[in-house]
């Protein structure tokens, strides 16, 4: 039984894109960040470690934030601030700094927030 047998989830990975555009009204251009419509990596085998989240009371509703560990096969191109979508649940996560674990696999901490944003 190999490591890939433990990867029982699948996810799509979107790399963040930077563009210099003017917001209009004769204002100077400034960097803008966005995600593409199509994923850069489709149906990547992965494992989301189930973990608890934090509930923050706010108006008009409470906010539920989750920080969990994501394991991926070695050589997966995941970068900081990438958007990761769990294909089983549809939840969107933002990736932190990925770590290569001895060339065996990649782990990255991911955040699920009320709104998708850059960390």
PDB file of N, CA and C in Angstrom:
ATOM      1  N   UNK A   1       0.846  -1.164   0.000  1.00  0.00           N
ATOM      2  CA  UNK A   1       0.000   0.000   0.000  1.00  0.00           C
ATOM      3  C   UNK A   1       0.899   1.237   0.000  1.00  0.00           C
ATOM      4  N   UNK A   2       0.820   2.065  -1.029  1.00  0.00           N
ATOM      5  CA  UNK A   2       1.656   3.245  -1.153  1.00  0.00           C
ATOM      6  C   UNK A   2       0.961   4.503  -0.651  1.00  0.00           C
ATOM      7  N   UNK A   3       1.720   5.584  -0.666  1.00  0.00           N
ATOM      8  CA  UNK A   3       1.191   6.864  -0.184  1.00  0.00           C
ATOM      9  C   UNK A   3      -0.003   7.323  -1.013  1.00  0.00           C
ATOM     10  N   UNK A   4       0.038   7.114  -2.309  1.00  0.00           N
ATOM     11  CA  UNK A   4      -1.053   7.564  -3.181  1.00  0.00           C
ATOM     12  C   UNK A   4      -2.374   6.862  -2.876  1.00  0.00           C
ATOM     13  N   UNK A   5      -2.329   5.700  -2.218  1.00  0.00           N
ATOM     14  CA  UNK A   5      -3.560   5.014  -1.833  1.00  0.00           C
ATOM     15  C   UNK A   5      -4.296   5.754  -0.715  1.00  0.00           C
ATOM     16  N   UNK A   6      -3.577   6.587   0.042  1.00  0.00           N
ATOM     17  CA  UNK A   6      -4.195   7.341   1.130  1.00  0.00           C
ATOM     18  C   UNK A   6      -4.828   8.646   0.652  1.00  0.00           C
ATOM     19  N   UNK A   7      -4.543   9.060  -0.567  1.00  0.00           N
ATOM     20  CA  UNK A   7      -5.084  10.305  -1.109  1.00  0.00           C
ATOM     21  C   UNK A   7      -6.490  10.031  -1.624  1.00  0.00           C
ATOM     22  N   UNK A   8      -7.470  10.184  -0.760  1.00  0.00           N
ATOM     23  CA  UNK A   8      -8.838   9.786  -1.105  1.00  0.00           C
ATOM     24  C   UNK A   8      -9.725  10.950  -1.529  1.00  0.00           C
ATOM     25  N   UNK A   9      -9.192  12.161  -1.591  1.00  0.00           N
ATOM     26  CA  UNK A   9      -9.942  13.319  -2.064  1.00  0.00           C
ATOM     27  C   UNK A   9      -9.358  13.796  -3.391  1.00  0.00           C
ATOM     28  N   UNK A  10     -10.077  14.678  -4.064  1.00  0.00           N
ATOM     29  CA  UNK A  10      -9.567  15.325  -5.273  1.00  0.00           C
ATOM     30  C   UNK A  10      -9.819  16.819  -5.162  1.00  0.00           C
ATOM     31  N   UNK A  11      -8.939  17.599  -5.807  1.00  0.00           N
ATOM     32  CA  UNK A  11      -9.082  19.050  -5.748  1.00  0.00           C
ATOM     33  C   UNK A  11      -8.616  19.678  -7.058  1.00  0.00           C
ATOM     34  N   UNK A  12      -9.096  20.885  -7.305  1.00  0.00           N
ATOM     35  CA  UNK A  12      -8.626  21.716  -8.412  1.00  0.00           C
ATOM     36  C   UNK A  12      -7.778  22.829  -7.825  1.00  0.00           C
ATOM     37  N   UNK A  13      -6.688  23.194  -8.517  1.00  0.00           N
ATOM     38  CA  UNK A  13      -5.774  24.233  -8.038  1.00  0.00           C
ATOM     39  C   UNK A  13      -5.720  25.349  -9.066  1.00  0.00           C
ATOM     40  N   UNK A  14      -5.939  26.580  -8.596  1.00  0.00           N
ATOM     41  CA  UNK A  14      -5.899  27.779  -9.422  1.00  0.00           C
ATOM     42  C   UNK A  14      -4.724  28.640  -8.967  1.00  0.00           C
ATOM     43  N   UNK A  15      -3.787  28.954  -9.883  1.00  0.00           N
ATOM     44  CA  UNK A  15      -2.670  29.830  -9.551  1.00  0.00           C
ATOM     45  C   UNK A  15      -3.131  31.280  -9.639  1.00  0.00           C
ATOM     46  N   UNK A  16      -2.702  32.084  -8.680  1.00  0.00           N
ATOM     47  CA  UNK A  16      -3.087  33.489  -8.663  1.00  0.00           C
ATOM     48  C   UNK A  16      -2.348  34.226  -9.785  1.00  0.00           C
ATOM     49  N   UNK A  17      -3.033  35.162 -10.430  1.00  0.00           N
ATOM     50  CA  UNK A  17      -2.465  35.930 -11.539  1.00  0.00           C
ATOM     51  C   UNK A  17      -2.361  37.402 -11.134  1.00  0.00           C
ATOM     52  N   UNK A  18      -1.269  38.029 -11.546  1.00  0.00           N
ATOM     53  CA  UNK A  18      -1.060  39.456 -11.274  1.00  0.00           C
ATOM     54  C   UNK A  18      -1.121  40.204 -12.598  1.00  0.00           C
ATOM     55  N   UNK A  19      -1.844  41.310 -12.591  1.00  0.00           N
ATOM     56  CA  UNK A  19      -1.902  42.156 -13.783  1.00  0.00           C
ATOM     57  C   UNK A  19      -1.870  43.615 -13.335  1.00  0.00           C
ATOM     58  N   UNK A  20      -1.290  44.454 -14.156  1.00  0.00           N
ATOM     59  CA  UNK A  20      -1.252  45.893 -13.887  1.00  0.00           C
ATOM     60  C   UNK A  20      -2.295  46.560 -14.767  1.00  0.00           C
ATOM     61  N   UNK A  21      -3.364  46.998 -14.146  1.00  0.00           N
ATOM     62  CA  UNK A  21      -4.451  47.634 -14.884  1.00  0.00           C
ATOM     63  C   UNK A  21      -4.847  48.917 -14.174  1.00  0.00           C
ATOM     64  N   UNK A  22      -5.354  49.825 -14.949  1.00  0.00           N
ATOM     65  CA  UNK A  22      -5.876  51.060 -14.383  1.00  0.00           C
ATOM     66  C   UNK A  22      -7.337  50.832 -14.002  1.00  0.00           C
ATOM     67  N   UNK A  23      -7.739  51.296 -12.813  1.00  0.00           N
ATOM     68  CA  UNK A  23      -9.147  51.135 -12.446  1.00  0.00           C
ATOM     69  C   UNK A  23     -10.071  52.086 -13.204  1.00  0.00           C
ATOM     70  N   UNK A  24      -9.506  52.939 -14.046  1.00  0.00           N
ATOM     71  CA  UNK A  24     -10.301  53.893 -14.811  1.00  0.00           C
ATOM     72  C   UNK A  24     -10.234  55.280 -14.198  1.00  0.00           C
ATOM     73  N   UNK A  25     -11.025  56.175 -14.731  1.00  0.00           N
ATOM     74  CA  UNK A  25     -11.109  57.551 -14.233  1.00  0.00           C
ATOM     75  C   UNK A  25      -9.752  58.253 -14.212  1.00  0.00           C
ATOM     76  N   UNK A  26      -8.878  57.905 -15.169  1.00  0.00           N
ATOM     77  CA  UNK A  26      -7.557  58.519 -15.326  1.00  0.00           C
ATOM     78  C   UNK A  26      -6.658  58.267 -14.113  1.00  0.00           C
ATOM     79  N   UNK A  27      -6.876  57.188 -13.397  1.00  0.00           N
ATOM     80  CA  UNK A  27      -6.031  56.814 -12.263  1.00  0.00           C
ATOM     81  C   UNK A  27      -4.871  55.965 -12.757  1.00  0.00           C
ATOM     82  N   UNK A  28      -3.719  56.025 -12.089  1.00  0.00           N
ATOM     83  CA  UNK A  28      -2.578  55.209 -12.525  1.00  0.00           C
ATOM     84  C   UNK A  28      -2.850  53.719 -12.320  1.00  0.00           C
ATOM     85  N   UNK A  29      -2.126  52.919 -13.080  1.00  0.00           N
ATOM     86  CA  UNK A  29      -2.310  51.474 -12.957  1.00  0.00           C
ATOM     87  C   UNK A  29      -1.725  50.985 -11.635  1.00  0.00           C
ATOM     88  N   UNK A  30      -2.312  49.958 -11.124  1.00  0.00           N
ATOM     89  CA  UNK A  30      -1.849  49.343  -9.884  1.00  0.00           C
ATOM     90  C   UNK A  30      -1.995  47.836 -10.026  1.00  0.00           C
ATOM     91  N   UNK A  31      -1.218  47.082  -9.260  1.00  0.00           N
ATOM     92  CA  UNK A  31      -1.320  45.626  -9.388  1.00  0.00           C
ATOM     93  C   UNK A  31      -2.684  45.117  -8.920  1.00  0.00           C
ATOM     94  N   UNK A  32      -3.234  44.210  -9.700  1.00  0.00           N
ATOM     95  CA  UNK A  32      -4.504  43.567  -9.362  1.00  0.00           C
ATOM     96  C   UNK A  32      -4.278  42.056  -9.415  1.00  0.00           C
ATOM     97  N   UNK A  33      -4.877  41.346  -8.480  1.00  0.00           N
ATOM     98  CA  UNK A  33      -4.712  39.904  -8.392  1.00  0.00           C
ATOM     99  C   UNK A  33      -6.065  39.234  -8.610  1.00  0.00           C
ATOM    100  N   UNK A  34      -6.036  38.137  -9.382  1.00  0.00           N
ATOM    101  CA  UNK A  34      -7.268  37.401  -9.647  1.00  0.00           C
ATOM    102  C   UNK A  34      -6.926  35.944  -9.956  1.00  0.00           C
ATOM    103  N   UNK A  35      -7.962  35.116  -9.951  1.00  0.00           N
ATOM    104  CA  UNK A  35      -7.805  33.712 -10.296  1.00  0.00           C
ATOM    105  C   UNK A  35      -8.434  33.466 -11.659  1.00  0.00           C
ATOM    106  N   UNK A  36      -7.867  32.567 -12.469  1.00  0.00           N
ATOM    107  CA  UNK A  36      -8.457  32.270 -13.780  1.00  0.00           C
ATOM    108  C   UNK A  36      -9.784  31.522 -13.629  1.00  0.00           C
ATOM    109  N   UNK A  37     -10.549  31.500 -14.717  1.00  0.00           N
ATOM    110  CA  UNK A  37     -11.827  30.791 -14.707  1.00  0.00           C
ATOM    111  C   UNK A  37     -11.638  29.275 -14.722  1.00  0.00           C
ATOM    112  N   UNK A  38     -10.622  28.811 -15.425  1.00  0.00           N
ATOM    113  CA  UNK A  38     -10.333  27.379 -15.517  1.00  0.00           C
ATOM    114  C   UNK A  38      -9.175  27.029 -14.595  1.00  0.00           C
ATOM    115  N   UNK A  39      -9.226  25.885 -13.909  1.00  0.00           N
ATOM    116  CA  UNK A  39      -8.130  25.509 -13.000  1.00  0.00           C
ATOM    117  C   UNK A  39      -6.850  25.191 -13.757  1.00  0.00           C
ATOM    118  N   UNK A  40      -5.722  25.508 -13.125  1.00  0.00           N
ATOM    119  CA  UNK A  40      -4.421  25.177 -13.708  1.00  0.00           C
ATOM    120  C   UNK A  40      -4.120  23.687 -13.549  1.00  0.00           C
ATOM    121  N   UNK A  41      -4.543  23.096 -12.441  1.00  0.00           N
ATOM    122  CA  UNK A  41      -4.386  21.664 -12.207  1.00  0.00           C
ATOM    123  C   UNK A  41      -5.765  21.093 -11.874  1.00  0.00           C
ATOM    124  N   UNK A  42      -6.217  20.112 -12.649  1.00  0.00           N
ATOM    125  CA  UNK A  42      -7.558  19.541 -12.468  1.00  0.00           C
ATOM    126  C   UNK A  42      -7.484  18.169 -11.822  1.00  0.00           C
ATOM    127  N   UNK A  43      -8.444  17.906 -10.948  1.00  0.00           N
ATOM    128  CA  UNK A  43      -8.641  16.598 -10.316  1.00  0.00           C
ATOM    129  C   UNK A  43      -7.346  16.011  -9.758  1.00  0.00           C
ATOM    130  N   UNK A  44      -6.658  16.800  -8.938  1.00  0.00           N
ATOM    131  CA  UNK A  44      -5.415  16.353  -8.311  1.00  0.00           C
ATOM    132  C   UNK A  44      -5.772  15.474  -7.107  1.00  0.00           C
ATOM    133  N   UNK A  45      -5.208  14.261  -7.005  1.00  0.00           N
ATOM    134  CA  UNK A  45      -5.466  13.453  -5.814  1.00  0.00           C
ATOM    135  C   UNK A  45      -4.845  14.126  -4.598  1.00  0.00           C
ATOM    136  N   UNK A  46      -5.576  14.158  -3.490  1.00  0.00           N
ATOM    137  CA  UNK A  46      -5.094  14.846  -2.301  1.00  0.00           C
ATOM    138  C   UNK A  46      -5.777  14.279  -1.073  1.00  0.00           C
ATOM    139  N   UNK A  47      -5.390  14.796   0.092  1.00  0.00           N
ATOM    140  CA  UNK A  47      -6.011  14.414   1.351  1.00  0.00           C
ATOM    141  C   UNK A  47      -6.154  15.655   2.211  1.00  0.00           C
ATOM    142  N   UNK A  48      -7.399  16.023   2.519  1.00  0.00           N
ATOM    143  CA  UNK A  48      -7.682  17.113   3.448  1.00  0.00           C
ATOM    144  C   UNK A  48      -7.789  16.505   4.836  1.00  0.00           C
ATOM    145  N   UNK A  49      -6.927  16.934   5.747  1.00  0.00           N
ATOM    146  CA  UNK A  49      -7.015  16.451   7.118  1.00  0.00           C
ATOM    147  C   UNK A  49      -8.168  17.171   7.797  1.00  0.00           C
ATOM    148  N   UNK A  50      -9.085  16.412   8.343  1.00  0.00           N
ATOM    149  CA  UNK A  50     -10.224  17.043   8.995  1.00  0.00           C
ATOM    150  C   UNK A  50      -9.752  17.672  10.299  1.00  0.00           C
ATOM    151  N   UNK A  51     -10.209  18.888  10.519  1.00  0.00           N
ATOM    152  CA  UNK A  51      -9.812  19.593  11.721  1.00  0.00           C
ATOM    153  C   UNK A  51     -10.884  20.570  12.125  1.00  0.00           C
ATOM    154  N   UNK A  52     -10.760  21.065  13.314  1.00  0.00           N
ATOM    155  CA  UNK A  52     -11.740  22.008  13.826  1.00  0.00           C
ATOM    156  C   UNK A  52     -11.494  23.409  13.296  1.00  0.00           C
ATOM    157  N   UNK A  53     -12.489  24.226  13.411  1.00  0.00           N
ATOM    158  CA  UNK A  53     -12.395  25.604  12.976  1.00  0.00           C
ATOM    159  C   UNK A  53     -12.694  26.533  14.128  1.00  0.00           C
ATOM    160  N   UNK A  54     -12.712  27.811  13.833  1.00  0.00           N
ATOM    161  CA  UNK A  54     -13.036  28.804  14.843  1.00  0.00           C
ATOM    162  C   UNK A  54     -14.270  29.575  14.403  1.00  0.00           C
ATOM    163  N   UNK A  55     -15.129  29.839  15.343  1.00  0.00           N
ATOM    164  CA  UNK A  55     -16.334  30.613  15.079  1.00  0.00           C
ATOM    165  C   UNK A  55     -16.124  31.999  15.667  1.00  0.00           C
ATOM    166  N   UNK A  56     -16.291  33.024  14.837  1.00  0.00           N
ATOM    167  CA  UNK A  56     -16.140  34.403  15.262  1.00  0.00           C
ATOM    168  C   UNK A  56     -17.498  35.075  15.189  1.00  0.00           C
ATOM    169  N   UNK A  57     -17.923  35.634  16.304  1.00  0.00           N
ATOM    170  CA  UNK A  57     -19.198  36.351  16.300  1.00  0.00           C
ATOM    171  C   UNK A  57     -19.018  37.689  15.622  1.00  0.00           C
ATOM    172  N   UNK A  58     -19.856  37.959  14.673  1.00  0.00           N
ATOM    173  CA  UNK A  58     -19.833  39.234  13.964  1.00  0.00           C
ATOM    174  C   UNK A  58     -21.234  39.504  13.432  1.00  0.00           C
ATOM    175  N   UNK A  59     -21.446  40.696  12.993  1.00  0.00           N
ATOM    176  CA  UNK A  59     -22.746  41.070  12.438  1.00  0.00           C
ATOM    177  C   UNK A  59     -22.660  41.049  10.928  1.00  0.00           C
ATOM    178  N   UNK A  60     -23.608  40.614  10.191  1.00  0.00           N
ATOM    179  CA  UNK A  60     -24.929  40.155  10.597  1.00  0.00           C
ATOM    180  C   UNK A  60     -24.978  38.681  10.974  1.00  0.00           C
ATOM    181  N   UNK A  61     -23.857  37.950  10.773  1.00  0.00           N
ATOM    182  CA  UNK A  61     -23.879  36.528  11.097  1.00  0.00           C
ATOM    183  C   UNK A  61     -22.508  36.106  11.601  1.00  0.00           C
ATOM    184  N   UNK A  62     -22.443  34.972  12.262  1.00  0.00           N
ATOM    185  CA  UNK A  62     -21.177  34.445  12.747  1.00  0.00           C
ATOM    186  C   UNK A  62     -20.345  33.951  11.560  1.00  0.00           C
ATOM    187  N   UNK A  63     -19.017  33.988  11.720  1.00  0.00           N
ATOM    188  CA  UNK A  63     -18.104  33.573  10.660  1.00  0.00           C
ATOM    189  C   UNK A  63     -17.377  32.319  11.110  1.00  0.00           C
ATOM    190  N   UNK A  64     -17.244  31.348  10.213  1.00  0.00           N
ATOM    191  CA  UNK A  64     -16.584  30.079  10.513  1.00  0.00           C
ATOM    192  C   UNK A  64     -15.332  29.967   9.666  1.00  0.00           C
ATOM    193  N   UNK A  65     -14.153  30.006  10.301  1.00  0.00           N
ATOM    194  CA  UNK A  65     -12.871  29.905   9.607  1.00  0.00           C
ATOM    195  C   UNK A  65     -12.221  28.565   9.938  1.00  0.00           C
ATOM    196  N   UNK A  66     -11.632  27.931   8.926  1.00  0.00           N
ATOM    197  CA  UNK A  66     -10.986  26.632   9.101  1.00  0.00           C
ATOM    198  C   UNK A  66      -9.569  26.704   8.556  1.00  0.00           C
ATOM    199  N   UNK A  67      -8.601  26.186   9.315  1.00  0.00           N
ATOM    200  CA  UNK A  67      -7.227  26.033   8.840  1.00  0.00           C
ATOM    201  C   UNK A  67      -6.907  24.550   8.960  1.00  0.00           C
ATOM    202  N   UNK A  68      -6.563  23.926   7.831  1.00  0.00           N
ATOM    203  CA  UNK A  68      -6.339  22.480   7.818  1.00  0.00           C
ATOM    204  C   UNK A  68      -5.125  22.148   6.954  1.00  0.00           C
ATOM    205  N   UNK A  69      -4.651  20.929   7.081  1.00  0.00           N
ATOM    206  CA  UNK A  69      -3.481  20.478   6.317  1.00  0.00           C
ATOM    207  C   UNK A  69      -3.932  19.722   5.081  1.00  0.00           C
ATOM    208  N   UNK A  70      -3.274  20.021   3.962  1.00  0.00           N
ATOM    209  CA  UNK A  70      -3.555  19.367   2.687  1.00  0.00           C
ATOM    210  C   UNK A  70      -2.306  18.622   2.256  1.00  0.00           C
ATOM    211  N   UNK A  71      -2.442  17.333   1.951  1.00  0.00           N
ATOM    212  CA  UNK A  71      -1.331  16.515   1.455  1.00  0.00           C
ATOM    213  C   UNK A  71      -1.541  16.240  -0.019  1.00  0.00           C
ATOM    214  N   UNK A  72      -0.455  16.387  -0.794  1.00  0.00           N
ATOM    215  CA  UNK A  72      -0.494  16.218  -2.250  1.00  0.00           C
ATOM    216  C   UNK A  72       0.660  15.325  -2.688  1.00  0.00           C
ATOM    217  N   UNK A  73       0.584  14.717  -3.880  1.00  0.00           N
ATOM    218  CA  UNK A  73       1.702  13.915  -4.381  1.00  0.00           C
ATOM    219  C   UNK A  73       2.937  14.790  -4.614  1.00  0.00           C
ATOM    220  N   UNK A  74       4.100  14.167  -4.581  1.00  0.00           N
ATOM    221  CA  UNK A  74       5.355  14.877  -4.824  1.00  0.00           C
ATOM    222  C   UNK A  74       5.343  15.497  -6.218  1.00  0.00           C
ATOM    223  N   UNK A  75       5.864  16.710  -6.319  1.00  0.00           N
ATOM    224  CA  UNK A  75       5.951  17.394  -7.603  1.00  0.00           C
ATOM    225  C   UNK A  75       4.721  18.189  -7.988  1.00  0.00           C
ATOM    226  N   UNK A  76       3.703  18.228  -7.133  1.00  0.00           N
ATOM    227  CA  UNK A  76       2.508  19.011  -7.438  1.00  0.00           C
ATOM    228  C   UNK A  76       2.849  20.495  -7.363  1.00  0.00           C
ATOM    229  N   UNK A  77       2.469  21.239  -8.399  1.00  0.00           N
ATOM    230  CA  UNK A  77       2.776  22.673  -8.483  1.00  0.00           C
ATOM    231  C   UNK A  77       1.719  23.470  -7.725  1.00  0.00           C
ATOM    232  N   UNK A  78       1.905  23.603  -6.417  1.00  0.00           N
ATOM    233  CA  UNK A  78       1.028  24.424  -5.594  1.00  0.00           C
ATOM    234  C   UNK A  78       1.884  25.552  -5.029  1.00  0.00           C
ATOM    235  N   UNK A  79       1.321  26.758  -5.023  1.00  0.00           N
ATOM    236  CA  UNK A  79       2.070  27.949  -4.612  1.00  0.00           C
ATOM    237  C   UNK A  79       1.306  28.700  -3.531  1.00  0.00           C
ATOM    238  N   UNK A  80       2.007  29.609  -2.881  1.00  0.00           N
ATOM    239  CA  UNK A  80       1.373  30.428  -1.858  1.00  0.00           C
ATOM    240  C   UNK A  80       0.279  31.275  -2.504  1.00  0.00           C
ATOM    241  N   UNK A  81      -0.846  31.423  -1.826  1.00  0.00           N
ATOM    242  CA  UNK A  81      -2.030  32.173  -2.261  1.00  0.00           C
ATOM    243  C   UNK A  81      -2.788  31.528  -3.416  1.00  0.00           C
ATOM    244  N   UNK A  82      -2.507  30.271  -3.736  1.00  0.00           N
ATOM    245  CA  UNK A  82      -3.309  29.564  -4.730  1.00  0.00           C
ATOM    246  C   UNK A  82      -4.696  29.271  -4.158  1.00  0.00           C
ATOM    247  N   UNK A  83      -5.669  29.205  -5.025  1.00  0.00           N
ATOM    248  CA  UNK A  83      -7.017  28.803  -4.618  1.00  0.00           C
ATOM    249  C   UNK A  83      -7.142  27.305  -4.850  1.00  0.00           C
ATOM    250  N   UNK A  84      -7.555  26.590  -3.813  1.00  0.00           N
ATOM    251  CA  UNK A  84      -7.733  25.140  -3.880  1.00  0.00           C
ATOM    252  C   UNK A  84      -9.203  24.848  -3.612  1.00  0.00           C
ATOM    253  N   UNK A  85      -9.842  24.122  -4.521  1.00  0.00           N
ATOM    254  CA  UNK A  85     -11.249  23.773  -4.358  1.00  0.00           C
ATOM    255  C   UNK A  85     -11.358  22.272  -4.134  1.00  0.00           C
ATOM    256  N   UNK A  86     -11.951  21.892  -3.016  1.00  0.00           N
ATOM    257  CA  UNK A  86     -12.220  20.494  -2.714  1.00  0.00           C
ATOM    258  C   UNK A  86     -13.389  20.054  -3.590  1.00  0.00           C
ATOM    259  N   UNK A  87     -13.156  19.113  -4.491  1.00  0.00           N
ATOM    260  CA  UNK A  87     -14.195  18.688  -5.429  1.00  0.00           C
ATOM    261  C   UNK A  87     -15.288  17.865  -4.758  1.00  0.00           C
ATOM    262  N   UNK A  88     -15.020  17.305  -3.581  1.00  0.00           N
ATOM    263  CA  UNK A  88     -16.045  16.536  -2.869  1.00  0.00           C
ATOM    264  C   UNK A  88     -17.067  17.450  -2.207  1.00  0.00           C
ATOM    265  N   UNK A  89     -16.607  18.556  -1.611  1.00  0.00           N
ATOM    266  CA  UNK A  89     -17.496  19.444  -0.861  1.00  0.00           C
ATOM    267  C   UNK A  89     -17.764  20.765  -1.562  1.00  0.00           C
ATOM    268  N   UNK A  90     -16.876  21.178  -2.468  1.00  0.00           N
ATOM    269  CA  UNK A  90     -17.019  22.467  -3.137  1.00  0.00           C
ATOM    270  C   UNK A  90     -16.453  23.631  -2.344  1.00  0.00           C
ATOM    271  N   UNK A  91     -15.847  23.369  -1.187  1.00  0.00           N
ATOM    272  CA  UNK A  91     -15.269  24.438  -0.378  1.00  0.00           C
ATOM    273  C   UNK A  91     -14.014  24.994  -1.045  1.00  0.00           C
ATOM    274  N   UNK A  92     -13.821  26.305  -0.901  1.00  0.00           N
ATOM    275  CA  UNK A  92     -12.642  26.977  -1.446  1.00  0.00           C
ATOM    276  C   UNK A  92     -11.673  27.280  -0.322  1.00  0.00           C
ATOM    277  N   UNK A  93     -10.398  27.042  -0.581  1.00  0.00           N
ATOM    278  CA  UNK A  93      -9.339  27.277   0.390  1.00  0.00           C
ATOM    279  C   UNK A  93      -8.265  28.159  -0.249  1.00  0.00           C
ATOM    280  N   UNK A  94      -7.505  28.871   0.592  1.00  0.00           N
ATOM    281  CA  UNK A  94      -6.350  29.641   0.146  1.00  0.00           C
ATOM    282  C   UNK A  94      -5.103  28.975   0.716  1.00  0.00           C
ATOM    283  N   UNK A  95      -4.122  28.704  -0.132  1.00  0.00           N
ATOM    284  CA  UNK A  95      -2.928  27.962   0.270  1.00  0.00           C
ATOM    285  C   UNK A  95      -1.893  28.879   0.915  1.00  0.00           C
ATOM    286  N   UNK A  96      -1.224  28.332   1.940  1.00  0.00           N
ATOM    287  CA  UNK A  96      -0.086  28.998   2.547  1.00  0.00           C
ATOM    288  C   UNK A  96       1.182  28.465   1.881  1.00  0.00           C
ATOM    289  N   UNK A  97       2.316  28.607   2.534  1.00  0.00           N
ATOM    290  CA  UNK A  97       3.604  28.167   1.985  1.00  0.00           C
ATOM    291  C   UNK A  97       3.658  26.642   1.913  1.00  0.00           C
ATOM    292  N   UNK A  98       3.826  26.068   0.701  1.00  0.00           N
ATOM    293  CA  UNK A  98       3.907  24.603   0.585  1.00  0.00           C
ATOM    294  C   UNK A  98       5.271  24.092   1.060  1.00  0.00           C
ATOM    295  N   UNK A  99       5.276  22.864   1.560  1.00  0.00           N
ATOM    296  CA  UNK A  99       6.515  22.226   2.024  1.00  0.00           C
ATOM    297  C   UNK A  99       6.695  20.886   1.323  1.00  0.00           C
ATOM    298  N   UNK A 100       7.905  20.682   0.784  1.00  0.00           N
ATOM    299  CA  UNK A 100       8.264  19.412   0.163  1.00  0.00           C
ATOM    300  C   UNK A 100       8.822  18.522   1.270  1.00  0.00           C
ATOM    301  N   UNK A 101       8.171  17.415   1.523  1.00  0.00           N
ATOM    302  CA  UNK A 101       8.577  16.509   2.592  1.00  0.00           C
ATOM    303  C   UNK A 101       9.473  15.420   2.015  1.00  0.00           C
ATOM    304  N   UNK A 102      10.783  15.685   2.038  1.00  0.00           N
ATOM    305  CA  UNK A 102      11.834  14.736   1.613  1.00  0.00           C
ATOM    306  C   UNK A 102      11.602  14.143   0.233  1.00  0.00           C
ATOM    307  N   UNK A 103      11.005  14.907  -0.660  1.00  0.00           N
ATOM    308  CA  UNK A 103      10.755  14.416  -2.009  1.00  0.00           C
ATOM    309  C   UNK A 103       9.676  13.345  -2.074  1.00  0.00           C
ATOM    310  N   UNK A 104       9.022  13.067  -0.952  1.00  0.00           N
ATOM    311  CA  UNK A 104       8.001  12.018  -0.887  1.00  0.00           C
ATOM    312  C   UNK A 104       6.609  12.540  -1.200  1.00  0.00           C
ATOM    313  N   UNK A 105       6.268  13.721  -0.617  1.00  0.00           N
ATOM    314  CA  UNK A 105       4.981  14.346  -0.867  1.00  0.00           C
ATOM    315  C   UNK A 105       5.064  15.824  -0.498  1.00  0.00           C
ATOM    316  N   UNK A 106       4.010  16.558  -0.796  1.00  0.00           N
ATOM    317  CA  UNK A 106       3.931  17.985  -0.506  1.00  0.00           C
ATOM    318  C   UNK A 106       2.806  18.201   0.495  1.00  0.00           C
ATOM    319  N   UNK A 107       3.074  19.004   1.528  1.00  0.00           N
ATOM    320  CA  UNK A 107       2.027  19.401   2.460  1.00  0.00           C
ATOM    321  C   UNK A 107       1.921  20.917   2.451  1.00  0.00           C
ATOM    322  N   UNK A 108       0.707  21.391   2.618  1.00  0.00           N
ATOM    323  CA  UNK A 108       0.457  22.826   2.653  1.00  0.00           C
ATOM    324  C   UNK A 108      -0.728  23.075   3.584  1.00  0.00           C
ATOM    325  N   UNK A 109      -0.605  24.106   4.386  1.00  0.00           N
ATOM    326  CA  UNK A 109      -1.728  24.509   5.230  1.00  0.00           C
ATOM    327  C   UNK A 109      -2.650  25.373   4.379  1.00  0.00           C
ATOM    328  N   UNK A 110      -3.942  25.151   4.477  1.00  0.00           N
ATOM    329  CA  UNK A 110      -4.919  25.907   3.692  1.00  0.00           C
ATOM    330  C   UNK A 110      -5.965  26.505   4.629  1.00  0.00           C
ATOM    331  N   UNK A 111      -6.461  27.675   4.248  1.00  0.00           N
ATOM    332  CA  UNK A 111      -7.488  28.399   4.997  1.00  0.00           C
ATOM    333  C   UNK A 111      -8.790  28.386   4.236  1.00  0.00           C
ATOM    334  N   UNK A 112      -9.865  28.154   4.951  1.00  0.00           N
ATOM    335  CA  UNK A 112     -11.198  28.332   4.370  1.00  0.00           C
ATOM    336  C   UNK A 112     -11.847  29.462   5.139  1.00  0.00           C
ATOM    337  N   UNK A 113     -12.187  30.514   4.418  1.00  0.00           N
ATOM    338  CA  UNK A 113     -12.779  31.682   5.061  1.00  0.00           C
ATOM    339  C   UNK A 113     -14.132  31.975   4.431  1.00  0.00           C
ATOM    340  N   UNK A 114     -14.823  32.936   5.027  1.00  0.00           N
ATOM    341  CA  UNK A 114     -16.137  33.309   4.510  1.00  0.00           C
ATOM    342  C   UNK A 114     -16.019  33.848   3.096  1.00  0.00           C
ATOM    343  N   UNK A 115     -14.935  34.587   2.820  1.00  0.00           N
ATOM    344  CA  UNK A 115     -14.694  35.097   1.475  1.00  0.00           C
ATOM    345  C   UNK A 115     -13.304  34.698   1.045  1.00  0.00           C
ATOM    346  N   UNK A 116     -13.155  34.339  -0.232  1.00  0.00           N
ATOM    347  CA  UNK A 116     -11.869  33.969  -0.765  1.00  0.00           C
ATOM    348  C   UNK A 116     -11.008  35.215  -0.898  1.00  0.00           C
ATOM    349  N   UNK A 117      -9.813  35.166  -0.345  1.00  0.00           N
ATOM    350  CA  UNK A 117      -8.937  36.321  -0.435  1.00  0.00           C
ATOM    351  C   UNK A 117      -7.486  35.930  -0.316  1.00  0.00           C
ATOM    352  N   UNK A 118      -6.631  36.876  -0.606  1.00  0.00           N
ATOM    353  CA  UNK A 118      -5.203  36.671  -0.535  1.00  0.00           C
ATOM    354  C   UNK A 118      -4.772  36.811   0.915  1.00  0.00           C
ATOM    355  N   UNK A 119      -3.923  35.908   1.393  1.00  0.00           N
ATOM    356  CA  UNK A 119      -3.445  35.967   2.773  1.00  0.00           C
ATOM    357  C   UNK A 119      -2.427  37.076   2.956  1.00  0.00           C
TER     358      UNK A 119
END
